[in-house]
N, C-alpha and C. Protein backbone atom coordinates (compact mmCIF):
# COMPACT_ATOMS: atom_id res chain seq x y z
N MET A 1 -50.18 -73.44 286.84
CA MET A 1 -50.27 -74.76 287.43
C MET A 1 -49.36 -74.80 288.66
N ASP A 2 -49.90 -75.28 289.76
CA ASP A 2 -49.11 -75.31 290.99
C ASP A 2 -48.22 -76.56 291.05
N ILE A 3 -47.34 -76.58 292.02
CA ILE A 3 -46.33 -77.63 292.14
C ILE A 3 -46.96 -79.01 292.33
N GLU A 4 -48.01 -79.10 293.11
CA GLU A 4 -48.66 -80.40 293.37
C GLU A 4 -49.25 -81.00 292.11
N GLN A 5 -49.75 -80.18 291.22
CA GLN A 5 -50.29 -80.67 289.95
C GLN A 5 -49.18 -81.00 288.96
N LEU A 6 -48.08 -80.29 289.05
CA LEU A 6 -46.96 -80.47 288.13
C LEU A 6 -46.12 -81.70 288.47
N MET A 7 -46.02 -82.02 289.75
CA MET A 7 -45.17 -83.13 290.21
C MET A 7 -45.44 -84.46 289.51
N PRO A 8 -46.70 -84.91 289.39
CA PRO A 8 -46.92 -86.21 288.72
C PRO A 8 -46.46 -86.22 287.27
N HIS A 9 -46.52 -85.09 286.60
CA HIS A 9 -46.08 -85.02 285.21
C HIS A 9 -44.56 -85.14 285.12
N VAL A 10 -43.87 -84.49 286.04
CA VAL A 10 -42.41 -84.59 286.08
C VAL A 10 -42.01 -86.03 286.40
N GLU A 11 -42.68 -86.63 287.39
CA GLU A 11 -42.41 -88.03 287.74
C GLU A 11 -42.61 -88.94 286.53
N ALA A 12 -43.69 -88.74 285.81
CA ALA A 12 -44.00 -89.58 284.65
C ALA A 12 -42.93 -89.47 283.58
N LEU A 13 -42.45 -88.27 283.33
CA LEU A 13 -41.39 -88.08 282.32
C LEU A 13 -40.11 -88.80 282.72
N ILE A 14 -39.73 -88.65 283.98
CA ILE A 14 -38.49 -89.30 284.44
C ILE A 14 -38.65 -90.82 284.44
N PHE A 15 -39.80 -91.29 284.88
CA PHE A 15 -40.05 -92.73 284.96
C PHE A 15 -40.07 -93.37 283.57
N ALA A 16 -40.68 -92.70 282.60
CA ALA A 16 -40.85 -93.28 281.27
C ALA A 16 -39.59 -93.22 280.41
N SER A 17 -38.64 -92.40 280.79
CA SER A 17 -37.44 -92.24 279.99
C SER A 17 -36.47 -93.40 280.18
N GLU A 18 -35.85 -93.82 279.08
CA GLU A 18 -34.86 -94.90 279.13
C GLU A 18 -33.49 -94.40 279.60
N ARG A 19 -33.30 -93.10 279.54
CA ARG A 19 -32.01 -92.51 279.89
C ARG A 19 -32.26 -91.34 280.84
N PRO A 20 -31.21 -90.84 281.48
CA PRO A 20 -31.40 -89.67 282.34
C PRO A 20 -31.96 -88.48 281.56
N VAL A 21 -32.93 -87.79 282.15
CA VAL A 21 -33.58 -86.65 281.51
C VAL A 21 -33.09 -85.37 282.20
N THR A 22 -32.64 -84.42 281.42
CA THR A 22 -32.12 -83.17 281.98
C THR A 22 -33.27 -82.25 282.40
N LEU A 23 -32.94 -81.30 283.23
CA LEU A 23 -33.91 -80.30 283.67
C LEU A 23 -34.45 -79.52 282.48
N MET A 24 -33.58 -79.19 281.54
CA MET A 24 -34.00 -78.44 280.36
C MET A 24 -34.99 -79.25 279.51
N GLU A 25 -34.71 -80.55 279.34
CA GLU A 25 -35.61 -81.40 278.56
C GLU A 25 -36.99 -81.50 279.22
N ILE A 26 -36.99 -81.68 280.53
CA ILE A 26 -38.26 -81.77 281.26
C ILE A 26 -39.05 -80.48 281.10
N THR A 27 -38.36 -79.35 281.26
CA THR A 27 -39.01 -78.05 281.13
C THR A 27 -39.60 -77.86 279.73
N GLU A 28 -38.84 -78.23 278.70
CA GLU A 28 -39.33 -78.09 277.33
C GLU A 28 -40.52 -79.00 277.05
N LEU A 29 -40.44 -80.24 277.52
CA LEU A 29 -41.54 -81.19 277.29
C LEU A 29 -42.82 -80.75 278.00
N LEU A 30 -42.68 -80.23 279.21
CA LEU A 30 -43.85 -79.75 279.94
C LEU A 30 -44.44 -78.51 279.28
N SER A 31 -43.57 -77.63 278.77
CA SER A 31 -44.05 -76.43 278.08
C SER A 31 -44.86 -76.80 276.85
N LYS A 32 -44.38 -77.80 276.10
CA LYS A 32 -45.13 -78.26 274.92
C LYS A 32 -46.44 -78.93 275.33
N SER A 33 -46.39 -79.71 276.38
CA SER A 33 -47.57 -80.46 276.82
C SER A 33 -48.68 -79.54 277.30
N PHE A 34 -48.32 -78.52 278.07
CA PHE A 34 -49.33 -77.63 278.64
C PHE A 34 -49.52 -76.36 277.82
N GLU A 35 -48.75 -76.22 276.76
CA GLU A 35 -48.83 -75.05 275.88
C GLU A 35 -48.70 -73.74 276.64
N GLU A 36 -47.81 -73.74 277.60
CA GLU A 36 -47.46 -72.53 278.34
C GLU A 36 -46.00 -72.64 278.74
N ILE A 37 -45.37 -71.54 278.94
CA ILE A 37 -43.94 -71.55 279.28
C ILE A 37 -43.78 -71.97 280.74
N MET A 38 -43.00 -73.03 280.93
CA MET A 38 -42.70 -73.52 282.28
C MET A 38 -41.38 -72.91 282.72
N GLU A 39 -41.33 -72.55 283.97
CA GLU A 39 -40.10 -71.99 284.52
C GLU A 39 -39.24 -73.12 285.04
N GLY A 40 -37.94 -73.03 284.77
CA GLY A 40 -37.00 -74.04 285.24
C GLY A 40 -36.97 -74.17 286.75
N GLU A 41 -37.19 -73.05 287.44
CA GLU A 41 -37.19 -73.07 288.91
C GLU A 41 -38.35 -73.91 289.46
N ARG A 42 -39.52 -73.81 288.83
CA ARG A 42 -40.67 -74.59 289.27
C ARG A 42 -40.42 -76.08 289.06
N VAL A 43 -39.84 -76.41 287.93
CA VAL A 43 -39.53 -77.81 287.64
C VAL A 43 -38.46 -78.32 288.61
N ALA A 44 -37.45 -77.49 288.90
CA ALA A 44 -36.41 -77.87 289.86
C ALA A 44 -37.00 -78.08 291.25
N THR A 45 -37.98 -77.26 291.63
CA THR A 45 -38.67 -77.43 292.91
C THR A 45 -39.42 -78.74 292.93
N CYS A 46 -40.05 -79.10 291.82
CA CYS A 46 -40.75 -80.39 291.71
C CYS A 46 -39.77 -81.55 291.86
N ILE A 47 -38.63 -81.43 291.22
CA ILE A 47 -37.62 -82.49 291.29
C ILE A 47 -37.13 -82.66 292.72
N ASP A 48 -36.91 -81.56 293.42
CA ASP A 48 -36.50 -81.65 294.83
C ASP A 48 -37.58 -82.31 295.68
N ALA A 49 -38.84 -81.97 295.42
CA ALA A 49 -39.94 -82.57 296.17
C ALA A 49 -40.06 -84.07 295.87
N ILE A 50 -39.84 -84.46 294.63
CA ILE A 50 -39.88 -85.88 294.25
C ILE A 50 -38.74 -86.63 294.92
N ARG A 51 -37.56 -86.02 294.90
CA ARG A 51 -36.40 -86.64 295.55
C ARG A 51 -36.68 -86.86 297.04
N GLU A 52 -37.25 -85.87 297.67
CA GLU A 52 -37.60 -85.97 299.10
C GLU A 52 -38.64 -87.06 299.33
N LYS A 53 -39.63 -87.12 298.46
CA LYS A 53 -40.71 -88.10 298.58
C LYS A 53 -40.17 -89.53 298.55
N TYR A 54 -39.29 -89.81 297.60
CA TYR A 54 -38.78 -91.18 297.43
C TYR A 54 -37.56 -91.49 298.28
N SER A 55 -37.14 -90.56 299.12
CA SER A 55 -36.04 -90.85 300.03
C SER A 55 -36.51 -91.65 301.24
N ALA A 56 -37.82 -91.78 301.42
CA ALA A 56 -38.36 -92.57 302.53
C ALA A 56 -37.91 -94.03 302.39
N GLU A 57 -37.71 -94.70 303.52
CA GLU A 57 -37.18 -96.06 303.52
C GLU A 57 -38.07 -97.08 302.83
N TYR A 58 -39.36 -96.87 302.81
CA TYR A 58 -40.25 -97.90 302.26
C TYR A 58 -40.33 -97.90 300.74
N TYR A 59 -39.66 -96.96 300.08
CA TYR A 59 -39.57 -97.01 298.61
C TYR A 59 -38.29 -97.73 298.22
N PRO A 60 -38.36 -98.68 297.30
CA PRO A 60 -37.16 -99.42 296.91
C PRO A 60 -36.29 -98.67 295.88
N PHE A 61 -36.73 -97.52 295.43
CA PHE A 61 -35.98 -96.75 294.45
C PHE A 61 -35.90 -95.30 294.89
N GLN A 62 -35.04 -94.56 294.21
CA GLN A 62 -34.85 -93.15 294.54
C GLN A 62 -34.58 -92.36 293.27
N LEU A 63 -34.77 -91.07 293.34
CA LEU A 63 -34.48 -90.19 292.21
C LEU A 63 -33.03 -89.74 292.35
N MET A 64 -32.24 -90.03 291.31
CA MET A 64 -30.82 -89.69 291.35
C MET A 64 -30.48 -88.80 290.16
N GLU A 65 -29.51 -87.93 290.39
CA GLU A 65 -28.96 -87.14 289.29
C GLU A 65 -27.75 -87.89 288.76
N THR A 66 -27.84 -88.35 287.54
CA THR A 66 -26.78 -89.15 286.94
C THR A 66 -26.71 -88.89 285.44
N GLY A 67 -25.53 -88.90 284.90
CA GLY A 67 -25.37 -88.71 283.47
C GLY A 67 -25.89 -87.37 282.97
N GLY A 68 -25.84 -86.36 283.81
CA GLY A 68 -26.30 -85.03 283.40
C GLY A 68 -27.80 -84.84 283.47
N GLY A 69 -28.53 -85.84 284.00
CA GLY A 69 -29.98 -85.74 284.10
C GLY A 69 -30.50 -86.49 285.31
N TYR A 70 -31.79 -86.72 285.32
CA TYR A 70 -32.44 -87.38 286.45
C TYR A 70 -33.01 -88.72 286.02
N GLN A 71 -32.91 -89.69 286.93
CA GLN A 71 -33.36 -91.04 286.64
C GLN A 71 -33.75 -91.73 287.95
N PHE A 72 -34.78 -92.58 287.88
CA PHE A 72 -35.13 -93.39 289.03
C PHE A 72 -34.22 -94.61 289.04
N LEU A 73 -33.56 -94.84 290.16
CA LEU A 73 -32.66 -95.98 290.30
C LEU A 73 -32.99 -96.75 291.58
N THR A 74 -32.77 -98.05 291.55
CA THR A 74 -33.00 -98.89 292.71
C THR A 74 -31.99 -98.55 293.79
N LYS A 75 -32.44 -98.55 295.04
CA LYS A 75 -31.54 -98.28 296.15
C LYS A 75 -30.57 -99.45 296.33
N LYS A 76 -29.41 -99.16 296.89
CA LYS A 76 -28.35 -100.16 297.05
C LYS A 76 -28.80 -101.37 297.87
N ALA A 77 -29.68 -101.17 298.80
CA ALA A 77 -30.14 -102.26 299.66
C ALA A 77 -30.84 -103.36 298.86
N PHE A 78 -31.34 -103.04 297.67
CA PHE A 78 -32.09 -103.99 296.86
C PHE A 78 -31.29 -104.53 295.68
N HIS A 79 -30.00 -104.22 295.65
CA HIS A 79 -29.15 -104.64 294.53
C HIS A 79 -29.14 -106.16 294.35
N LYS A 80 -28.95 -106.88 295.44
CA LYS A 80 -28.86 -108.34 295.35
C LYS A 80 -30.17 -108.95 294.84
N THR A 81 -31.29 -108.41 295.26
CA THR A 81 -32.59 -108.91 294.81
C THR A 81 -32.80 -108.65 293.33
N VAL A 82 -32.49 -107.45 292.88
CA VAL A 82 -32.68 -107.09 291.47
C VAL A 82 -31.70 -107.88 290.59
N LEU A 83 -30.53 -108.16 291.11
CA LEU A 83 -29.55 -108.95 290.37
C LEU A 83 -30.11 -110.34 290.04
N GLN A 84 -30.94 -110.89 290.91
CA GLN A 84 -31.57 -112.19 290.66
C GLN A 84 -32.48 -112.12 289.44
N LEU A 85 -33.15 -111.01 289.27
CA LEU A 85 -34.06 -110.83 288.14
C LEU A 85 -33.30 -110.70 286.83
N ASN A 86 -32.28 -109.87 286.84
CA ASN A 86 -31.55 -109.58 285.61
C ASN A 86 -30.45 -110.58 285.30
N GLY A 87 -30.02 -111.31 286.27
CA GLY A 87 -28.99 -112.32 286.05
C GLY A 87 -27.69 -111.73 285.56
N ASP A 88 -27.04 -112.44 284.68
CA ASP A 88 -25.73 -112.04 284.20
C ASP A 88 -25.77 -111.11 283.00
N LYS A 89 -26.95 -110.72 282.55
CA LYS A 89 -26.99 -109.92 281.33
C LYS A 89 -26.42 -108.52 281.51
N HIS A 90 -26.29 -108.04 282.76
CA HIS A 90 -25.71 -106.72 282.98
C HIS A 90 -24.22 -106.80 283.30
N ILE A 91 -23.69 -108.01 283.42
CA ILE A 91 -22.27 -108.17 283.63
C ILE A 91 -21.62 -108.17 282.25
N LYS A 92 -20.80 -107.18 282.02
CA LYS A 92 -20.22 -107.01 280.70
C LYS A 92 -19.05 -107.98 280.51
N LYS A 93 -19.11 -108.70 279.40
CA LYS A 93 -18.04 -109.62 279.04
C LYS A 93 -17.51 -109.22 277.67
N LEU A 94 -16.24 -109.50 277.45
CA LEU A 94 -15.64 -109.19 276.15
C LEU A 94 -15.97 -110.28 275.16
N SER A 95 -16.22 -109.87 273.93
CA SER A 95 -16.47 -110.85 272.87
C SER A 95 -15.16 -111.55 272.52
N SER A 96 -15.25 -112.64 271.77
CA SER A 96 -14.04 -113.37 271.40
C SER A 96 -13.15 -112.50 270.50
N ALA A 97 -13.76 -111.69 269.65
CA ALA A 97 -12.97 -110.80 268.79
C ALA A 97 -12.21 -109.77 269.63
N ALA A 98 -12.86 -109.25 270.66
CA ALA A 98 -12.19 -108.28 271.53
C ALA A 98 -11.07 -108.94 272.32
N MET A 99 -11.28 -110.18 272.75
CA MET A 99 -10.24 -110.91 273.47
C MET A 99 -9.02 -111.17 272.56
N GLU A 100 -9.29 -111.53 271.30
CA GLU A 100 -8.20 -111.76 270.35
C GLU A 100 -7.41 -110.48 270.11
N THR A 101 -8.12 -109.36 269.99
CA THR A 101 -7.48 -108.08 269.79
C THR A 101 -6.58 -107.73 270.98
N LEU A 102 -7.10 -107.93 272.20
CA LEU A 102 -6.30 -107.68 273.38
C LEU A 102 -5.08 -108.58 273.45
N ALA A 103 -5.25 -109.84 273.05
CA ALA A 103 -4.12 -110.77 273.06
C ALA A 103 -3.04 -110.31 272.10
N ILE A 104 -3.42 -109.84 270.91
CA ILE A 104 -2.46 -109.36 269.92
C ILE A 104 -1.72 -108.13 270.44
N ILE A 105 -2.49 -107.19 271.02
CA ILE A 105 -1.89 -105.97 271.55
C ILE A 105 -0.91 -106.29 272.68
N SER A 106 -1.31 -107.14 273.59
CA SER A 106 -0.42 -107.47 274.71
C SER A 106 0.80 -108.25 274.25
N TYR A 107 0.66 -109.08 273.23
CA TYR A 107 1.80 -109.85 272.70
C TYR A 107 2.82 -108.93 272.05
N LYS A 108 2.32 -107.94 271.30
CA LYS A 108 3.24 -107.04 270.58
C LYS A 108 3.91 -106.03 271.50
N GLN A 109 3.37 -105.80 272.65
CA GLN A 109 4.01 -104.85 273.57
C GLN A 109 5.06 -105.60 274.32
C-alpha cells in the first residue's frame, strides 16, 4: 500500500482517538487492519505528510506531537473562539474538600 492510500487511515486513527496515539500503536493497528506488516518508517512518513498538510493557514487545527503520541489540536489563533464553546468546564477548580485540605496543611505549617 502506498503512502497516499495509507494517509487517510493514519488520519482517521489520530482523529478518532481520545488521547495521543503513539507511532507504535498506529503501526500495530494498521498492521491488524490490513493484515500485513506495516513499517514504522512508512507510518512516520505519513505522519510528516499529514503534519505538512494541516500546517496550511486555512485549517483551524494541526497535528501535534504531545504526551508521547500524536493528536489533532486547535491552533492558538482559534483558542478564544473554542473557549466560547467549551466555557468554563476546562478551567480546573479545586473542590471544597481539596480547599479544606489545603487550608489545614497551610495552617499547620
